[in-house]
Amino acid sequence: MIEQYLLDIIICPKCKGELLENNGGLICKQCGINYHVDDGIPVLLSPATYHDIGEILPAWNSRWLKTAEPVPSGLENEPDIMSAFGHVKKYFDLYPSDNFMEAGCGSGRLLYLMGKLGIKVIGMDLSVEALKLTRRWLEKAGIRNSYFICGDMRYMPIKDSKIGFIYGGGSIEHFEETQLGINELRRVLRQEGLLTLTYPLLSIASLTYRQLYGNIPELPVLKQLYKFVHVNIFRKKFMIFGLEKSFFISTMEKYYKKAGFTNVSSAYFDTYLDIAVFKSEFIKNLLRKTAKNRLFWPMVFTNGVK
């Protein structure tokens, strides 16, 4: 059974048509595509999603099936999620809304922290197993104002102007059609709503350390070269998250402005770096300090207002 709130905001990701409940699933009134519902979560992935990145979906689902449920009382000791929460809370106070969406929500730790504030939270992810995990532990934690949609940022299964604030933490870099994704995120935002995205900066860090994750710089020639190496020579060995790109701030801001965003701004995103490749805490701390230098910034964020 799908909550009425979701039924009021979702649409067909392929044609943007109206969705009707149909024998436990959903059917598009306009194009006739059937979408299934997995444990109450509508799986609204466009045929284009399965065509373009369908090969990575089983890997993501498998990963989340093996992931333990977060422990709410322990989140305050997890520096990565607390840095994300601090960032989101700062801008949510400036652009308040009655709802909050995390695009690429994973296990939903940020949804929990935002939901605790009494805000209606919406988690969207490509992996339905991530969403099932999130819903399960949020319910146990007493977060009732939470909703979940399995969807693709490039083909948002949401009606126009329904979301007040959208955060995407390390998600926009995982597909080729960056402009399409940002256009869609703007479409579903309400007027005066804020989009804030974090992503790998094209820096010395992305050209060196992030090669362990198969990072591809979004820059002509370099992009083709790095992609050839990772796909044809390493056979995607390091591309454990599928495609991952890094961007110059100026490139991302152009995408925002082309989509029609105003008040576009960017800065360093102060996140915690695990640096699991090294065992020595001395080396890890040295690299974390180095990451504060502009040449080595690992992550940045860009904001834009509709």
C-alpha atoms as a PDB file:
ATOM      1  CA  MET A   1       0.000   0.000   0.000  1.00  0.00           C
ATOM      2  CA  ILE A   2       1.385   3.386  -1.037  1.00  0.00           C
ATOM      3  CA  GLU A   3       0.853   6.401   1.217  1.00  0.00           C
ATOM      4  CA  GLN A   4      -1.533   9.019  -0.155  1.00  0.00           C
ATOM      5  CA  TYR A   5       1.133  11.693   0.142  1.00  0.00           C
ATOM      6  CA  LEU A   6       3.304   9.826  -2.362  1.00  0.00           C
ATOM      7  CA  LEU A   7       0.390   9.183  -4.713  1.00  0.00           C
ATOM      8  CA  ASP A   8      -0.215  12.930  -4.798  1.00  0.00           C
ATOM      9  CA  ILE A   9       3.319  13.828  -5.913  1.00  0.00           C
ATOM     10  CA  ILE A  10       4.618  10.966  -8.100  1.00  0.00           C
ATOM     11  CA  ILE A  11       4.386  10.697 -11.900  1.00  0.00           C
ATOM     12  CA  CYS A  12       5.656   8.418 -14.645  1.00  0.00           C
ATOM     13  CA  PRO A  13       9.402   9.051 -15.077  1.00  0.00           C
ATOM     14  CA  LYS A  14       9.216   8.315 -18.810  1.00  0.00           C
ATOM     15  CA  CYS A  15       6.363  10.540 -20.013  1.00  0.00           C
ATOM     16  CA  LYS A  16       5.415  12.499 -16.848  1.00  0.00           C
ATOM     17  CA  GLY A  17       1.927  11.013 -17.033  1.00  0.00           C
ATOM     18  CA  GLU A  18      -0.455  10.349 -14.164  1.00  0.00           C
ATOM     19  CA  LEU A  19       0.056   7.125 -12.201  1.00  0.00           C
ATOM     20  CA  LEU A  20      -2.837   4.972 -11.075  1.00  0.00           C
ATOM     21  CA  GLU A  21      -2.818   2.080  -8.616  1.00  0.00           C
ATOM     22  CA  ASN A  22      -3.172  -1.216 -10.445  1.00  0.00           C
ATOM     23  CA  ASN A  23      -3.224  -4.694  -8.835  1.00  0.00           C
ATOM     24  CA  GLY A  24      -0.727  -3.774  -6.142  1.00  0.00           C
ATOM     25  CA  GLY A  25       1.460  -1.780  -8.537  1.00  0.00           C
ATOM     26  CA  LEU A  26       1.197   1.392 -10.592  1.00  0.00           C
ATOM     27  CA  ILE A  27       0.306   2.023 -14.220  1.00  0.00           C
ATOM     28  CA  CYS A  28       0.855   5.188 -16.250  1.00  0.00           C
ATOM     29  CA  LYS A  29      -2.473   6.510 -17.545  1.00  0.00           C
ATOM     30  CA  GLN A  30      -0.686   8.096 -20.515  1.00  0.00           C
ATOM     31  CA  CYS A  31       1.921   5.617 -21.805  1.00  0.00           C
ATOM     32  CA  GLY A  32       0.680   2.407 -20.153  1.00  0.00           C
ATOM     33  CA  ILE A  33       3.968   1.403 -18.474  1.00  0.00           C
ATOM     34  CA  ASN A  34       3.540  -0.716 -15.348  1.00  0.00           C
ATOM     35  CA  TYR A  35       5.701  -0.032 -12.296  1.00  0.00           C
ATOM     36  CA  HIS A  36       5.972  -2.398  -9.370  1.00  0.00           C
ATOM     37  CA  VAL A  37       5.815  -1.530  -5.702  1.00  0.00           C
ATOM     38  CA  ASP A  38       8.346  -3.254  -3.453  1.00  0.00           C
ATOM     39  CA  ASP A  39       7.262  -3.452   0.174  1.00  0.00           C
ATOM     40  CA  GLY A  40       5.284  -0.220  -0.180  1.00  0.00           C
ATOM     41  CA  ILE A  41       8.042   1.625  -2.056  1.00  0.00           C
ATOM     42  CA  PRO A  42       7.203   2.643  -5.652  1.00  0.00           C
ATOM     43  CA  VAL A  43      10.014   1.618  -8.008  1.00  0.00           C
ATOM     44  CA  LEU A  44       9.800   4.394 -10.600  1.00  0.00           C
ATOM     45  CA  LEU A  45      12.820   3.845 -12.808  1.00  0.00           C
ATOM     46  CA  SER A  46      12.537   4.857 -16.440  1.00  0.00           C
ATOM     47  CA  PRO A  47      13.312   2.311 -19.177  1.00  0.00           C
ATOM     48  CA  ALA A  48      16.245   4.626 -19.983  1.00  0.00           C
ATOM     49  CA  THR A  49      17.659   3.982 -16.498  1.00  0.00           C
ATOM     50  CA  TYR A  50      17.734   0.231 -17.028  1.00  0.00           C
ATOM     51  CA  HIS A  51      19.278   0.748 -20.470  1.00  0.00           C
ATOM     52  CA  ASP A  52      22.011   3.146 -19.311  1.00  0.00           C
ATOM     53  CA  ILE A  53      22.991   1.947 -15.848  1.00  0.00           C
ATOM     54  CA  GLY A  54      21.008  -1.222 -15.268  1.00  0.00           C
ATOM     55  CA  GLU A  55      24.229  -3.208 -14.900  1.00  0.00           C
ATOM     56  CA  ILE A  56      25.152  -1.450 -11.639  1.00  0.00           C
ATOM     57  CA  LEU A  57      21.757  -1.770  -9.944  1.00  0.00           C
ATOM     58  CA  PRO A  58      22.286  -5.391  -8.760  1.00  0.00           C
ATOM     59  CA  ALA A  59      25.647  -4.415  -7.251  1.00  0.00           C
ATOM     60  CA  TRP A  60      24.126  -1.496  -5.344  1.00  0.00           C
ATOM     61  CA  ASN A  61      21.204  -3.599  -4.129  1.00  0.00           C
ATOM     62  CA  SER A  62      23.581  -6.365  -3.039  1.00  0.00           C
ATOM     63  CA  ARG A  63      25.684  -3.865  -1.114  1.00  0.00           C
ATOM     64  CA  TRP A  64      22.697  -2.468   0.770  1.00  0.00           C
ATOM     65  CA  LEU A  65      21.370  -5.935   1.550  1.00  0.00           C
ATOM     66  CA  LYS A  66      24.623  -6.557   3.427  1.00  0.00           C
ATOM     67  CA  THR A  67      24.606  -3.207   5.240  1.00  0.00           C
ATOM     68  CA  ALA A  68      23.751  -3.121   8.927  1.00  0.00           C
ATOM     69  CA  GLU A  69      21.061  -0.764  10.156  1.00  0.00           C
ATOM     70  CA  PRO A  70      22.496   2.489  11.551  1.00  0.00           C
ATOM     71  CA  VAL A  71      22.228   3.074  15.298  1.00  0.00           C
ATOM     72  CA  PRO A  72      20.571   6.464  15.947  1.00  0.00           C
ATOM     73  CA  SER A  73      22.427   7.058  19.200  1.00  0.00           C
ATOM     74  CA  GLY A  74      25.746   6.618  17.405  1.00  0.00           C
ATOM     75  CA  LEU A  75      25.221   9.108  14.575  1.00  0.00           C
ATOM     76  CA  GLU A  76      26.651  12.017  16.567  1.00  0.00           C
ATOM     77  CA  ASN A  77      29.982  10.142  16.561  1.00  0.00           C
ATOM     78  CA  GLU A  78      30.017   9.739  12.770  1.00  0.00           C
ATOM     79  CA  PRO A  79      31.851  12.843  11.463  1.00  0.00           C
ATOM     80  CA  ASP A  80      30.877  12.354   7.820  1.00  0.00           C
ATOM     81  CA  ILE A  81      27.123  12.459   8.422  1.00  0.00           C
ATOM     82  CA  MET A  82      27.402  15.219  11.020  1.00  0.00           C
ATOM     83  CA  SER A  83      29.275  17.417   8.536  1.00  0.00           C
ATOM     84  CA  ALA A  84      26.509  16.803   5.975  1.00  0.00           C
ATOM     85  CA  PHE A  85      23.842  17.571   8.583  1.00  0.00           C
ATOM     86  CA  GLY A  86      25.610  20.779   9.605  1.00  0.00           C
ATOM     87  CA  HIS A  87      25.756  21.891   5.982  1.00  0.00           C
ATOM     88  CA  VAL A  88      22.101  21.095   5.271  1.00  0.00           C
ATOM     89  CA  LYS A  89      20.804  22.579   8.532  1.00  0.00           C
ATOM     90  CA  LYS A  90      22.652  25.823   7.877  1.00  0.00           C
ATOM     91  CA  TYR A  91      20.992  26.349   4.505  1.00  0.00           C
ATOM     92  CA  PHE A  92      17.639  24.872   5.538  1.00  0.00           C
ATOM     93  CA  ASP A  93      17.430  27.603   8.172  1.00  0.00           C
ATOM     94  CA  LEU A  94      17.917  30.153   5.364  1.00  0.00           C
ATOM     95  CA  TYR A  95      15.467  28.431   2.978  1.00  0.00           C
ATOM     96  CA  PRO A  96      12.962  26.719   5.294  1.00  0.00           C
ATOM     97  CA  SER A  97      10.344  24.354   3.924  1.00  0.00           C
ATOM     98  CA  ASP A  98       7.774  21.854   5.134  1.00  0.00           C
ATOM     99  CA  ASN A  99       9.553  19.059   3.257  1.00  0.00           C
ATOM    100  CA  PHE A 100      13.097  17.952   2.518  1.00  0.00           C
ATOM    101  CA  MET A 101      14.363  15.537  -0.137  1.00  0.00           C
ATOM    102  CA  GLU A 102      17.679  13.729  -0.198  1.00  0.00           C
ATOM    103  CA  ALA A 103      18.485  12.600  -3.733  1.00  0.00           C
ATOM    104  CA  GLY A 104      20.683   9.544  -3.333  1.00  0.00           C
ATOM    105  CA  CYS A 105      19.820   8.955   0.322  1.00  0.00           C
ATOM    106  CA  GLY A 106      21.612   5.626   0.851  1.00  0.00           C
ATOM    107  CA  SER A 107      20.938   4.332   4.366  1.00  0.00           C
ATOM    108  CA  GLY A 108      19.057   7.501   5.323  1.00  0.00           C
ATOM    109  CA  ARG A 109      21.161   8.780   8.220  1.00  0.00           C
ATOM    110  CA  LEU A 110      20.604  12.386   7.136  1.00  0.00           C
ATOM    111  CA  LEU A 111      16.866  11.739   6.727  1.00  0.00           C
ATOM    112  CA  TYR A 112      16.792  10.617  10.352  1.00  0.00           C
ATOM    113  CA  LEU A 113      18.502  13.777  11.588  1.00  0.00           C
ATOM    114  CA  MET A 114      16.228  16.026   9.520  1.00  0.00           C
ATOM    115  CA  GLY A 115      13.142  14.019  10.442  1.00  0.00           C
ATOM    116  CA  LYS A 116      13.949  14.484  14.136  1.00  0.00           C
ATOM    117  CA  LEU A 117      13.404  18.210  13.554  1.00  0.00           C
ATOM    118  CA  GLY A 118       9.778  17.506  12.632  1.00  0.00           C
ATOM    119  CA  ILE A 119      10.337  18.015   8.904  1.00  0.00           C
ATOM    120  CA  LYS A 120       8.636  15.781   6.346  1.00  0.00           C
ATOM    121  CA  VAL A 121      11.510  13.883   4.691  1.00  0.00           C
ATOM    122  CA  ILE A 122      11.585  12.175   1.291  1.00  0.00           C
ATOM    123  CA  GLY A 123      14.329   9.735   0.405  1.00  0.00           C
ATOM    124  CA  MET A 124      15.048   8.923  -3.228  1.00  0.00           C
ATOM    125  CA  ASP A 125      17.637   6.415  -4.389  1.00  0.00           C
ATOM    126  CA  LEU A 126      18.359   4.128  -7.344  1.00  0.00           C
ATOM    127  CA  SER A 127      18.550   1.173  -4.964  1.00  0.00           C
ATOM    128  CA  VAL A 128      15.256  -0.097  -3.598  1.00  0.00           C
ATOM    129  CA  GLU A 129      17.200  -2.154  -1.045  1.00  0.00           C
ATOM    130  CA  ALA A 130      18.760   1.039   0.343  1.00  0.00           C
ATOM    131  CA  LEU A 131      15.273   2.491   0.706  1.00  0.00           C
ATOM    132  CA  LYS A 132      13.884  -0.624   2.393  1.00  0.00           C
ATOM    133  CA  LEU A 133      16.786  -0.553   4.854  1.00  0.00           C
ATOM    134  CA  THR A 134      16.191   3.141   5.538  1.00  0.00           C
ATOM    135  CA  ARG A 135      12.455   2.827   6.036  1.00  0.00           C
ATOM    136  CA  ARG A 136      12.920  -0.142   8.358  1.00  0.00           C
ATOM    137  CA  TRP A 137      15.278   1.569  10.791  1.00  0.00           C
ATOM    138  CA  LEU A 138      13.577   4.970  10.632  1.00  0.00           C
ATOM    139  CA  GLU A 139      10.304   3.339  11.643  1.00  0.00           C
ATOM    140  CA  LYS A 140      12.063   1.643  14.567  1.00  0.00           C
ATOM    141  CA  ALA A 141      13.578   5.015  15.496  1.00  0.00           C
ATOM    142  CA  GLY A 142      10.141   6.644  15.538  1.00  0.00           C
ATOM    143  CA  ILE A 143      10.475   8.790  12.402  1.00  0.00           C
ATOM    144  CA  ARG A 144       6.957   8.641  10.962  1.00  0.00           C
ATOM    145  CA  ASN A 145       7.035  11.615   8.593  1.00  0.00           C
ATOM    146  CA  SER A 146       9.234   9.818   6.046  1.00  0.00           C
ATOM    147  CA  TYR A 147       8.527   8.740   2.460  1.00  0.00           C
ATOM    148  CA  PHE A 148      10.557   6.788  -0.086  1.00  0.00           C
ATOM    149  CA  ILE A 149      10.780   6.679  -3.879  1.00  0.00           C
ATOM    150  CA  CYS A 150      13.073   4.511  -5.988  1.00  0.00           C
ATOM    151  CA  GLY A 151      14.014   6.924  -8.767  1.00  0.00           C
ATOM    152  CA  ASP A 152      16.665   8.395 -11.042  1.00  0.00           C
ATOM    153  CA  MET A 153      17.680  12.073 -10.870  1.00  0.00           C
ATOM    154  CA  ARG A 154      17.747  12.274 -14.642  1.00  0.00           C
ATOM    155  CA  TYR A 155      14.100  11.203 -14.892  1.00  0.00           C
ATOM    156  CA  MET A 156      12.527  12.429 -11.678  1.00  0.00           C
ATOM    157  CA  PRO A 157       9.231  10.617 -10.967  1.00  0.00           C
ATOM    158  CA  ILE A 158       7.840  13.700  -9.227  1.00  0.00           C
ATOM    159  CA  LYS A 159       5.403  16.394 -10.329  1.00  0.00           C
ATOM    160  CA  ASP A 160       6.551  19.964 -10.919  1.00  0.00           C
ATOM    161  CA  SER A 161       7.194  22.254  -7.929  1.00  0.00           C
ATOM    162  CA  LYS A 162       6.534  19.739  -5.138  1.00  0.00           C
ATOM    163  CA  ILE A 163       9.782  19.836  -3.136  1.00  0.00           C
ATOM    164  CA  GLY A 164      10.977  22.721  -0.989  1.00  0.00           C
ATOM    165  CA  PHE A 165      14.636  21.779  -0.403  1.00  0.00           C
ATOM    166  CA  ILE A 166      16.807  19.188  -2.147  1.00  0.00           C
ATOM    167  CA  TYR A 167      20.193  17.870  -1.060  1.00  0.00           C
ATOM    168  CA  GLY A 168      22.326  15.485  -3.089  1.00  0.00           C
ATOM    169  CA  GLY A 169      25.467  14.353  -1.312  1.00  0.00           C
ATOM    170  CA  GLY A 170      27.927  12.807  -3.771  1.00  0.00           C
ATOM    171  CA  SER A 171      25.264  11.732  -6.255  1.00  0.00           C
ATOM    172  CA  ILE A 172      25.322  14.102  -9.240  1.00  0.00           C
ATOM    173  CA  GLU A 173      28.720  12.731 -10.357  1.00  0.00           C
ATOM    174  CA  HIS A 174      27.477   9.205 -11.013  1.00  0.00           C
ATOM    175  CA  PHE A 175      25.993   9.667 -14.479  1.00  0.00           C
ATOM    176  CA  GLU A 176      26.923  11.324 -17.764  1.00  0.00           C
ATOM    177  CA  GLU A 177      23.882  13.554 -18.226  1.00  0.00           C
ATOM    178  CA  THR A 178      24.710  16.140 -15.565  1.00  0.00           C
ATOM    179  CA  GLN A 179      22.700  18.917 -17.192  1.00  0.00           C
ATOM    180  CA  LEU A 180      19.624  16.707 -17.504  1.00  0.00           C
ATOM    181  CA  GLY A 181      19.830  15.810 -13.823  1.00  0.00           C
ATOM    182  CA  ILE A 182      20.118  19.426 -12.690  1.00  0.00           C
ATOM    183  CA  ASN A 183      17.270  20.470 -14.994  1.00  0.00           C
ATOM    184  CA  GLU A 184      15.060  17.788 -13.447  1.00  0.00           C
ATOM    185  CA  LEU A 185      15.997  18.704  -9.885  1.00  0.00           C
ATOM    186  CA  ARG A 186      15.038  22.312 -10.607  1.00  0.00           C
ATOM    187  CA  ARG A 187      11.746  21.262 -12.198  1.00  0.00           C
ATOM    188  CA  VAL A 188      10.522  19.513  -9.058  1.00  0.00           C
ATOM    189  CA  LEU A 189      11.630  22.339  -6.737  1.00  0.00           C
ATOM    190  CA  ARG A 190       9.139  24.928  -5.595  1.00  0.00           C
ATOM    191  CA  GLN A 191       9.709  28.600  -6.347  1.00  0.00           C
ATOM    192  CA  GLU A 192      12.364  29.959  -3.947  1.00  0.00           C
ATOM    193  CA  GLY A 193      13.420  26.385  -3.150  1.00  0.00           C
ATOM    194  CA  LEU A 194      17.115  25.523  -2.736  1.00  0.00           C
ATOM    195  CA  LEU A 195      19.198  22.815  -4.399  1.00  0.00           C
ATOM    196  CA  THR A 196      22.531  21.996  -2.763  1.00  0.00           C
ATOM    197  CA  LEU A 197      24.806  19.363  -4.290  1.00  0.00           C
ATOM    198  CA  THR A 198      28.188  18.128  -3.115  1.00  0.00           C
ATOM    199  CA  TYR A 199      30.603  16.528  -5.586  1.00  0.00           C
ATOM    200  CA  PRO A 200      34.309  15.740  -6.119  1.00  0.00           C
ATOM    201  CA  LEU A 201      36.328  18.747  -7.187  1.00  0.00           C
ATOM    202  CA  LEU A 202      38.627  18.323 -10.170  1.00  0.00           C
ATOM    203  CA  SER A 203      41.859  18.809  -8.234  1.00  0.00           C
ATOM    204  CA  ILE A 204      45.113  17.023  -7.475  1.00  0.00           C
ATOM    205  CA  ALA A 205      43.126  14.813  -5.082  1.00  0.00           C
ATOM    206  CA  SER A 206      40.732  13.619  -7.800  1.00  0.00           C
ATOM    207  CA  LEU A 207      43.570  13.022 -10.254  1.00  0.00           C
ATOM    208  CA  THR A 208      45.499  10.922  -7.719  1.00  0.00           C
ATOM    209  CA  TYR A 209      43.786   9.505  -4.607  1.00  0.00           C
ATOM    210  CA  ARG A 210      40.300   9.313  -6.147  1.00  0.00           C
ATOM    211  CA  GLN A 211      41.639   7.134  -8.944  1.00  0.00           C
ATOM    212  CA  LEU A 212      41.210   4.328  -6.424  1.00  0.00           C
ATOM    213  CA  TYR A 213      37.484   4.897  -7.035  1.00  0.00           C
ATOM    214  CA  GLY A 214      37.790   5.220 -10.799  1.00  0.00           C
ATOM    215  CA  ASN A 215      37.194   8.975 -10.858  1.00  0.00           C
ATOM    216  CA  ILE A 216      36.840  10.552 -14.317  1.00  0.00           C
ATOM    217  CA  PRO A 217      37.658  14.290 -14.645  1.00  0.00           C
ATOM    218  CA  GLU A 218      34.941  16.246 -16.456  1.00  0.00           C
ATOM    219  CA  LEU A 219      37.401  17.936 -18.813  1.00  0.00           C
ATOM    220  CA  PRO A 220      37.890  17.310 -22.550  1.00  0.00           C
ATOM    221  CA  VAL A 221      40.836  15.039 -23.445  1.00  0.00           C
ATOM    222  CA  LEU A 222      41.502  14.152 -19.787  1.00  0.00           C
ATOM    223  CA  LYS A 223      38.018  12.679 -19.565  1.00  0.00           C
ATOM    224  CA  GLN A 224      38.529  10.456 -22.600  1.00  0.00           C
ATOM    225  CA  LEU A 225      42.000   9.427 -21.430  1.00  0.00           C
ATOM    226  CA  TYR A 226      41.013   8.491 -17.869  1.00  0.00           C
ATOM    227  CA  LYS A 227      37.881   6.735 -19.041  1.00  0.00           C
ATOM    228  CA  PHE A 228      39.852   4.664 -21.543  1.00  0.00           C
ATOM    229  CA  VAL A 229      42.329   3.640 -18.841  1.00  0.00           C
ATOM    230  CA  HIS A 230      39.668   2.654 -16.308  1.00  0.00           C
ATOM    231  CA  VAL A 231      37.333   0.921 -18.753  1.00  0.00           C
ATOM    232  CA  ASN A 232      39.697  -0.678 -21.260  1.00  0.00           C
ATOM    233  CA  ILE A 233      42.858  -1.285 -19.252  1.00  0.00           C
ATOM    234  CA  PHE A 234      41.649  -1.756 -15.664  1.00  0.00           C
ATOM    235  CA  ARG A 235      38.326  -3.260 -16.841  1.00  0.00           C
ATOM    236  CA  LYS A 236      36.389  -1.108 -14.336  1.00  0.00           C
ATOM    237  CA  LYS A 237      38.281  -2.655 -11.417  1.00  0.00           C
ATOM    238  CA  PHE A 238      38.320   0.639  -9.522  1.00  0.00           C
ATOM    239  CA  MET A 239      34.907   1.877 -10.670  1.00  0.00           C
ATOM    240  CA  ILE A 240      33.233   0.316  -7.652  1.00  0.00           C
ATOM    241  CA  PHE A 241      30.417   2.893  -7.680  1.00  0.00           C
ATOM    242  CA  GLY A 242      30.015   2.811 -11.443  1.00  0.00           C
ATOM    243  CA  LEU A 243      30.810   6.110 -13.143  1.00  0.00           C
ATOM    244  CA  GLU A 244      32.161   8.825 -10.854  1.00  0.00           C
ATOM    245  CA  LYS A 245      33.168  12.220 -12.234  1.00  0.00           C
ATOM    246  CA  SER A 246      34.919  15.263 -10.789  1.00  0.00           C
ATOM    247  CA  PHE A 247      34.182  18.856 -11.835  1.00  0.00           C
ATOM    248  CA  PHE A 248      35.632  22.329 -11.728  1.00  0.00           C
ATOM    249  CA  ILE A 249      33.353  24.651  -9.748  1.00  0.00           C
ATOM    250  CA  SER A 250      32.936  26.838 -12.834  1.00  0.00           C
ATOM    251  CA  THR A 251      31.665  23.848 -14.819  1.00  0.00           C
ATOM    252  CA  MET A 252      29.038  22.942 -12.232  1.00  0.00           C
ATOM    253  CA  GLU A 253      27.916  26.544 -11.891  1.00  0.00           C
ATOM    254  CA  LYS A 254      27.387  26.706 -15.659  1.00  0.00           C
ATOM    255  CA  TYR A 255      25.089  23.683 -15.408  1.00  0.00           C
ATOM    256  CA  TYR A 256      23.092  25.415 -12.663  1.00  0.00           C
ATOM    257  CA  LYS A 257      22.776  28.691 -14.543  1.00  0.00           C
ATOM    258  CA  LYS A 258      21.803  26.965 -17.779  1.00  0.00           C
ATOM    259  CA  ALA A 259      19.035  25.167 -15.860  1.00  0.00           C
ATOM    260  CA  GLY A 260      17.715  28.549 -14.698  1.00  0.00           C
ATOM    261  CA  PHE A 261      18.949  28.697 -11.091  1.00  0.00           C
ATOM    262  CA  THR A 262      19.699  32.055  -9.476  1.00  0.00           C
ATOM    263  CA  ASN A 263      21.911  32.962  -6.494  1.00  0.00           C
ATOM    264  CA  VAL A 264      24.368  30.276  -7.588  1.00  0.00           C
ATOM    265  CA  SER A 265      27.315  29.927  -5.216  1.00  0.00           C
ATOM    266  CA  SER A 266      29.951  27.324  -4.353  1.00  0.00           C
ATOM    267  CA  ALA A 267      32.552  26.614  -1.673  1.00  0.00           C
ATOM    268  CA  TYR A 268      34.659  23.941  -0.009  1.00  0.00           C
ATOM    269  CA  PHE A 269      32.627  21.145   1.573  1.00  0.00           C
ATOM    270  CA  ASP A 270      34.245  20.305   4.883  1.00  0.00           C
ATOM    271  CA  THR A 271      33.650  16.579   5.097  1.00  0.00           C
ATOM    272  CA  TYR A 272      35.443  13.848   7.007  1.00  0.00           C
ATOM    273  CA  LEU A 273      37.919  11.768   4.998  1.00  0.00           C
ATOM    274  CA  ASP A 274      38.270   8.154   6.082  1.00  0.00           C
ATOM    275  CA  ILE A 275      41.284   7.465   3.783  1.00  0.00           C
ATOM    276  CA  ALA A 276      40.930   3.720   4.273  1.00  0.00           C
ATOM    277  CA  VAL A 277      43.778   2.950   1.889  1.00  0.00           C
ATOM    278  CA  PHE A 278      46.307   3.894   4.622  1.00  0.00           C
ATOM    279  CA  LYS A 279      46.579   2.241   8.061  1.00  0.00           C
ATOM    280  CA  SER A 280      48.759   4.855   9.745  1.00  0.00           C
ATOM    281  CA  GLU A 281      46.756   7.487  11.636  1.00  0.00           C
ATOM    282  CA  PHE A 282      49.702   9.868  11.241  1.00  0.00           C
ATOM    283  CA  ILE A 283      49.502   9.632   7.444  1.00  0.00           C
ATOM    284  CA  LYS A 284      45.708   9.903   7.510  1.00  0.00           C
ATOM    285  CA  ASN A 285      45.810  13.067   9.613  1.00  0.00           C
ATOM    286  CA  LEU A 286      48.528  14.522   7.391  1.00  0.00           C
ATOM    287  CA  LEU A 287      46.403  13.911   4.300  1.00  0.00           C
ATOM    288  CA  ARG A 288      43.331  15.399   5.986  1.00  0.00           C
ATOM    289  CA  LYS A 289      45.283  18.578   6.697  1.00  0.00           C
ATOM    290  CA  THR A 290      46.595  18.616   3.130  1.00  0.00           C
ATOM    291  CA  ALA A 291      43.003  18.365   1.861  1.00  0.00           C
ATOM    292  CA  LYS A 292      42.317  21.816   3.307  1.00  0.00           C
ATOM    293  CA  ASN A 293      44.607  23.302   0.649  1.00  0.00           C
ATOM    294  CA  ARG A 294      42.722  24.565  -2.419  1.00  0.00           C
ATOM    295  CA  LEU A 295      44.825  22.427  -4.778  1.00  0.00           C
ATOM    296  CA  PHE A 296      43.784  19.264  -2.920  1.00  0.00           C
ATOM    297  CA  TRP A 297      40.153  19.975  -2.029  1.00  0.00           C
ATOM    298  CA  PRO A 298      38.330  16.638  -2.323  1.00  0.00           C
ATOM    299  CA  MET A 299      34.725  17.857  -2.221  1.00  0.00           C
ATOM    300  CA  VAL A 300      32.871  21.103  -2.845  1.00  0.00           C
ATOM    301  CA  PHE A 301      29.234  22.154  -2.941  1.00  0.00           C
ATOM    302  CA  THR A 302      27.142  24.309  -5.221  1.00  0.00           C
ATOM    303  CA  ASN A 303      23.859  25.939  -4.222  1.00  0.00           C
ATOM    304  CA  GLY A 304      21.165  27.401  -6.433  1.00  0.00           C
ATOM    305  CA  VAL A 305      17.716  28.917  -5.890  1.00  0.00           C
ATOM    306  CA  LYS A 306      14.744  28.370  -8.197  1.00  0.00           C
END
